[in-house]
Protein backbone atom coordinates (compact mmCIF):
# COMPACT_ATOMS: atom_id res chain seq x y z
CA UNK A 1 6.71 3.86 -20.03
CA UNK A 2 5.70 0.20 -19.82
CA UNK A 3 5.76 -2.32 -16.98
CA UNK A 4 6.73 -5.96 -16.83
CA UNK A 5 6.03 -8.50 -14.09
CA UNK A 6 9.01 -10.70 -13.31
CA UNK A 7 8.52 -14.01 -11.48
CA UNK A 8 11.83 -14.67 -9.69
CA UNK A 9 10.50 -17.02 -7.04
CA UNK A 10 7.77 -19.66 -7.07
CA UNK A 11 7.72 -20.69 -3.42
CA UNK A 12 4.03 -19.84 -3.21
CA UNK A 13 1.56 -20.52 -0.38
CA UNK A 14 -0.34 -23.31 -2.12
CA UNK A 15 2.78 -25.36 -2.88
CA UNK A 16 4.08 -27.06 -6.06
CA UNK A 17 0.86 -28.99 -6.75
CA UNK A 18 -0.97 -25.69 -7.26
CA UNK A 19 1.71 -23.89 -9.29
CA UNK A 20 -0.08 -24.60 -12.56
CA UNK A 21 -3.43 -23.06 -11.54
CA UNK A 22 -1.71 -20.25 -9.63
CA UNK A 23 0.52 -19.34 -12.58
CA UNK A 24 -2.51 -19.38 -14.88
CA UNK A 25 -4.34 -16.97 -12.57
CA UNK A 26 -1.33 -14.64 -12.36
CA UNK A 27 -0.85 -14.72 -16.15
CA UNK A 28 -4.49 -13.83 -16.80
CA UNK A 29 -4.32 -10.96 -14.32
CA UNK A 30 -1.11 -9.62 -15.89
CA UNK A 31 -2.64 -9.76 -19.36
CA UNK A 32 -5.71 -7.84 -18.23
CA UNK A 33 -3.86 -5.26 -16.12
CA UNK A 34 -1.98 -3.69 -19.03
CA UNK A 35 1.50 -5.05 -18.38
CA UNK A 36 3.73 -5.17 -21.45
CA UNK A 37 6.02 -8.02 -20.34
CA UNK A 38 5.86 -11.22 -18.31
CA UNK A 39 9.22 -12.79 -17.51
CA UNK A 40 10.63 -15.73 -15.60
CA UNK A 41 14.04 -16.66 -14.27
CA UNK A 42 16.24 -18.97 -16.30
CA UNK A 43 17.82 -20.80 -13.40
CA UNK A 44 17.68 -24.33 -12.07
CA UNK A 45 18.43 -23.53 -8.42
CA UNK A 46 16.92 -20.57 -6.60
CA UNK A 47 19.39 -17.68 -6.32
CA UNK A 48 20.45 -16.24 -2.98
CA UNK A 49 18.61 -12.92 -3.40
CA UNK A 50 15.29 -14.75 -3.13
CA UNK A 51 16.09 -17.72 -0.93
CA UNK A 52 18.14 -20.90 -0.54
CA UNK A 53 18.89 -23.02 -3.61
CA UNK A 54 16.47 -25.75 -2.52
CA UNK A 55 13.41 -23.58 -3.14
CA UNK A 56 11.16 -24.21 -6.14
CA UNK A 57 12.46 -23.34 -9.60
CA UNK A 58 10.77 -24.33 -12.86
CA UNK A 59 12.49 -24.76 -16.22
CA UNK A 60 12.06 -21.47 -18.04
CA UNK A 61 10.88 -22.32 -21.54
CA UNK A 62 8.42 -24.98 -20.43
CA UNK A 63 6.98 -22.34 -18.10
CA UNK A 64 6.83 -19.68 -20.82
CA UNK A 65 4.97 -22.08 -23.09
CA UNK A 66 2.44 -22.64 -20.30
CA UNK A 67 2.10 -18.90 -19.77
CA UNK A 68 1.60 -18.36 -23.50
CA UNK A 69 -1.45 -20.61 -23.37
CA UNK A 70 -2.98 -18.50 -20.59
CA UNK A 71 -2.34 -15.05 -22.10
CA UNK A 72 -3.19 -13.29 -25.33
CA UNK A 73 -1.24 -10.01 -25.46
CA UNK A 74 1.65 -9.81 -22.97
CA UNK A 75 5.19 -10.38 -24.29
CA UNK A 76 7.05 -13.38 -22.87
CA UNK A 77 10.73 -13.73 -22.01
CA UNK A 78 13.42 -14.86 -19.61
CA UNK A 79 15.48 -12.45 -17.53
CA UNK A 80 17.80 -13.85 -18.74
CA UNK A 81 18.99 -17.13 -20.26
CA UNK A 82 22.58 -17.96 -19.45
CA UNK A 83 24.34 -18.83 -22.69
CA UNK A 84 25.98 -21.86 -21.08
CA UNK A 85 22.69 -23.65 -20.45
CA UNK A 86 21.60 -24.42 -24.00
CA UNK A 87 23.24 -24.92 -27.36
CA UNK A 88 22.26 -21.88 -29.47
CA UNK A 89 20.42 -24.11 -31.94
CA UNK A 90 18.20 -25.42 -29.16
CA UNK A 91 17.74 -21.93 -27.74
CA UNK A 92 16.74 -20.48 -31.14
CA UNK A 93 14.32 -23.35 -31.68
CA UNK A 94 12.76 -22.88 -28.23
CA UNK A 95 12.22 -19.15 -28.73
CA UNK A 96 10.92 -19.71 -32.26
CA UNK A 97 8.45 -22.27 -30.93
CA UNK A 98 7.33 -19.86 -28.23
CA UNK A 99 6.91 -17.12 -30.81
CA UNK A 100 4.81 -19.29 -33.13
CA UNK A 101 2.58 -20.72 -30.42
CA UNK A 102 2.07 -17.36 -28.68
CA UNK A 103 1.12 -15.56 -31.87
CA UNK A 104 4.35 -13.56 -32.10
CA UNK A 105 4.97 -12.56 -28.47
CA UNK A 106 8.39 -14.07 -27.71
CA UNK A 107 11.52 -12.16 -26.73
CA UNK A 108 14.94 -13.78 -26.38
CA UNK A 109 16.53 -12.67 -23.12
CA UNK A 110 20.17 -13.71 -22.95
CA UNK A 111 23.39 -13.06 -21.04
CA UNK A 112 26.78 -14.60 -20.29
CA UNK A 113 25.56 -16.51 -17.21
CA UNK A 114 26.98 -16.24 -13.72
CA UNK A 115 25.62 -18.91 -11.37
CA UNK A 116 28.55 -21.24 -10.91
CA UNK A 117 26.82 -23.09 -8.04
CA UNK A 118 23.97 -24.44 -10.13
CA UNK A 119 26.18 -25.10 -13.14
CA UNK A 120 28.57 -27.24 -11.12
CA UNK A 121 25.69 -28.77 -9.19
CA UNK A 122 24.03 -30.08 -12.34
CA UNK A 123 27.19 -30.64 -14.35
CA UNK A 124 26.86 -27.81 -16.88
CA UNK A 125 30.19 -26.54 -18.19
CA UNK A 126 31.12 -23.25 -16.54
CA UNK A 127 34.05 -21.80 -18.48
CA UNK A 128 35.92 -18.64 -17.49
CA UNK A 129 34.19 -15.30 -18.05
CA UNK A 130 36.17 -14.53 -21.22
CA UNK A 131 35.01 -17.77 -22.83
CA UNK A 132 31.41 -17.24 -21.71
CA UNK A 133 31.39 -13.88 -23.49
CA UNK A 134 32.86 -15.52 -26.58
CA UNK A 135 30.05 -18.07 -26.42
CA UNK A 136 27.53 -15.26 -25.99
CA UNK A 137 28.69 -13.50 -29.14
CA UNK A 138 28.68 -16.81 -31.01
CA UNK A 139 25.14 -17.47 -29.81
CA UNK A 140 23.93 -14.01 -30.83
CA UNK A 141 25.36 -14.44 -34.33
CA UNK A 142 23.98 -17.99 -34.50
CA UNK A 143 20.38 -17.14 -33.56
CA UNK A 144 20.29 -14.13 -35.87
CA UNK A 145 21.48 -16.30 -38.74
CA UNK A 146 18.97 -19.04 -37.84
CA UNK A 147 16.16 -16.45 -37.96
CA UNK A 148 17.36 -15.07 -41.29
CA UNK A 149 16.48 -16.39 -44.72
CA UNK A 150 18.39 -19.43 -45.91
CA UNK A 151 19.97 -22.33 -44.08
CA UNK A 152 23.70 -21.82 -44.49
CA UNK A 153 26.38 -23.31 -42.28
CA UNK A 154 27.61 -21.46 -39.21
CA UNK A 155 31.16 -21.13 -37.92
CA UNK A 156 32.09 -19.46 -34.63
CA UNK A 157 34.75 -19.69 -31.97
CA UNK A 158 32.84 -22.30 -29.96
CA UNK A 159 30.00 -23.52 -32.19
CA UNK A 160 29.95 -25.10 -35.64
CA UNK A 161 26.83 -26.13 -37.55
CA UNK A 162 26.30 -27.45 -41.06
CA UNK A 163 22.77 -26.23 -41.76
CA UNK A 164 20.80 -23.65 -39.79
CA UNK A 165 17.38 -24.80 -40.93
CA UNK A 166 14.52 -23.29 -38.90
CA UNK A 167 11.05 -24.40 -39.91
CA UNK A 168 8.63 -22.93 -39.09
CA UNK A 169 10.26 -19.57 -38.86
CA UNK A 170 9.37 -17.08 -36.15
CA UNK A 171 6.22 -15.06 -36.73
CA UNK A 172 8.00 -11.84 -35.77
CA UNK A 173 10.18 -10.75 -38.65
CA UNK A 174 12.99 -10.26 -39.15
CA UNK A 175 13.22 -12.02 -35.77
CA UNK A 176 11.92 -11.97 -32.20
CA UNK A 177 13.44 -9.07 -30.24
CA UNK A 178 16.70 -9.84 -28.47
CA UNK A 179 17.22 -8.53 -24.94
CA UNK A 180 20.72 -8.62 -23.47
CA UNK A 181 20.88 -8.35 -19.70
CA UNK A 182 23.78 -6.73 -17.88
CA UNK A 183 25.67 -3.47 -17.77
CA UNK A 184 29.32 -4.36 -18.38
CA UNK A 185 30.77 -1.45 -20.28
CA UNK A 186 33.40 -3.15 -22.43
CA UNK A 187 31.52 -6.19 -23.74
CA UNK A 188 27.89 -6.39 -22.63
CA UNK A 189 26.87 -2.91 -23.73
CA UNK A 190 28.89 -3.29 -26.92
CA UNK A 191 26.95 -6.47 -27.67
CA UNK A 192 23.72 -4.56 -27.00
CA UNK A 193 24.72 -1.94 -29.55
CA UNK A 194 25.76 -4.52 -32.11
CA UNK A 195 23.14 -7.26 -31.72
CA UNK A 196 20.24 -6.42 -29.38
CA UNK A 197 16.87 -4.72 -29.62
CA UNK A 198 16.41 -4.33 -25.85
CA UNK A 199 18.76 -3.86 -22.89
CA UNK A 200 18.06 -4.51 -19.22
CA UNK A 201 20.01 -2.43 -16.70
CA UNK A 202 19.91 -1.76 -12.97
CA UNK A 203 18.57 1.58 -11.77
CA UNK A 204 21.00 3.52 -9.63
CA UNK A 205 23.35 6.48 -9.58
CA UNK A 206 25.43 5.11 -12.46
CA UNK A 207 22.48 4.52 -14.82
CA UNK A 208 23.00 7.78 -16.78
CA UNK A 209 26.64 6.83 -17.26
CA UNK A 210 25.70 3.33 -18.48
CA UNK A 211 23.29 4.83 -21.00
CA UNK A 212 26.02 7.20 -22.19
CA UNK A 213 28.37 4.24 -22.67
CA UNK A 214 25.70 2.45 -24.69
CA UNK A 215 25.26 5.57 -26.80
CA UNK A 216 29.02 5.62 -27.47
CA UNK A 217 29.01 1.96 -28.51
CA UNK A 218 26.08 2.63 -30.83
CA UNK A 219 28.00 5.47 -32.48
CA UNK A 220 31.05 3.24 -32.87
CA UNK A 221 29.13 0.49 -34.71
CA UNK A 222 26.82 2.82 -36.64
CA UNK A 223 23.67 1.87 -34.71
CA UNK A 224 20.80 4.22 -33.96
CA UNK A 225 20.72 4.49 -30.15
CA UNK A 226 16.99 5.24 -30.24
CA UNK A 227 16.28 1.86 -31.87
CA UNK A 228 17.16 0.08 -28.62
CA UNK A 229 14.47 -0.24 -25.96
CA UNK A 230 15.94 0.63 -22.56
CA UNK A 231 14.53 -1.33 -19.62
CA UNK A 232 15.49 -1.62 -15.96
CA UNK A 233 15.04 -4.28 -13.30
CA UNK A 234 13.05 -2.57 -10.56
CA UNK A 235 11.24 -3.67 -7.39
CA UNK A 236 7.59 -2.80 -8.12
CA UNK A 237 6.21 -2.15 -4.65
CA UNK A 238 3.04 -0.13 -4.07
CA UNK A 239 2.65 -1.26 -0.47
CA UNK A 240 0.10 -3.58 1.05
CA UNK A 241 -2.69 -1.03 0.67
CA UNK A 242 -1.30 1.04 -2.18
CA UNK A 243 0.36 3.57 0.14
CA UNK A 244 3.61 3.50 -1.88
CA UNK A 245 1.97 4.06 -5.27
CA UNK A 246 3.00 7.71 -5.48
CA UNK A 247 6.59 6.88 -4.57
CA UNK A 248 6.79 4.23 -7.29
CA UNK A 249 5.28 6.56 -9.89
CA UNK A 250 7.80 9.27 -8.97
CA UNK A 251 10.66 6.81 -9.41
CA UNK A 252 9.29 5.64 -12.75
CA UNK A 253 8.93 9.25 -13.84
CA UNK A 254 12.59 9.93 -13.06
CA UNK A 255 13.60 6.85 -15.05
CA UNK A 256 11.44 7.95 -17.98
CA UNK A 257 13.25 11.30 -18.01
CA UNK A 258 16.51 9.40 -18.50
CA UNK A 259 15.05 7.61 -21.51
CA UNK A 260 14.08 4.35 -19.82
CA UNK A 261 11.06 2.87 -21.57
CA UNK A 262 10.11 -0.06 -19.34
CA UNK A 263 10.56 -1.34 -15.80
CA UNK A 264 10.42 -5.06 -15.11
CA UNK A 265 10.27 -6.42 -11.59
CA UNK A 266 8.77 -8.48 -8.84
CA UNK A 267 5.59 -7.31 -7.15
CA UNK A 268 5.30 -8.13 -3.42
CA UNK A 269 2.08 -10.03 -2.81
CA UNK A 270 2.11 -12.12 -5.99
CA UNK A 271 0.59 -14.70 -6.56
CA UNK A 272 -2.47 -12.93 -5.12
CA UNK A 273 -4.11 -11.59 -8.30
CA UNK A 274 -5.64 -8.67 -6.41
CA UNK A 275 -2.31 -6.86 -6.19
CA UNK A 276 -1.88 -7.22 -9.96
CA UNK A 277 -5.42 -5.96 -10.49
CA UNK A 278 -4.59 -2.93 -8.32
CA UNK A 279 -1.68 -2.17 -10.66
CA UNK A 280 -4.17 -2.29 -13.52
CA UNK A 281 -6.35 0.38 -11.96
CA UNK A 282 -3.84 2.59 -10.11
CA UNK A 283 -0.46 2.20 -11.80
CA UNK A 284 -0.33 1.06 -15.44
CA UNK A 285 -2.70 3.80 -16.73
CA UNK A 286 -0.54 6.45 -15.06
CA UNK A 287 2.72 4.85 -16.21
CA UNK A 288 1.61 4.87 -19.85
CA UNK A 289 1.48 8.68 -19.70
CA UNK A 290 5.12 9.04 -18.55
């Protein structure tokens, strides 16, 4: 089992002027504490789970590039990029750039997108759900072709391109891993089986069922279910003084028994690096044995 630190909110005590130094400190601590993943939101307004929309939110790929410069081993991604926010050519180029400059540590996290408030607020198109899923499948086909050899044209339902030239290519070959977020049984998990290397699900009573559905989709498209890394979004809380460490390890153990290979989540107390350092001594060594 592996852990990932997710940074869903950046309303930190020292304010926006200190976000650069504070993020650098957090990134260094994550790298040294044995975390496998470091992820950021891909939103433009804060989402209601973490606060009002006016709270601080940084653009995702600029932030990941900054984090790449302050880390050496942790894998970098968004949880997750809404397909409506970037043309797939721009998205593939951004992730390729991140992969090259990080030494091969980029992951493409992607989904259909859901935040109508920020889309309408900033003037992004927000088509109906059916069309967003069509765009998602187009984007998945597009980025995979852009990371492949050659520079042929692309034709999809919503995107057309004459030449998918990508130079330099990603360092990870055949391509950076693709993570699809979401647990919709008809389309999202089918897309995972067909296109993704990693899935991100929610832990809960229906998780075994969702994994069974993914297994069925894999069988239908001839994909090895075991090739896909199963991750969950989980609140990583060990308590102010570590008093909840055992409870978290028990929960992670139960997830590991289901076949989950990584948990990614927010740690209460961040940006204080001491809480991350405590994970490095008390949690990540134990989690690696699960």
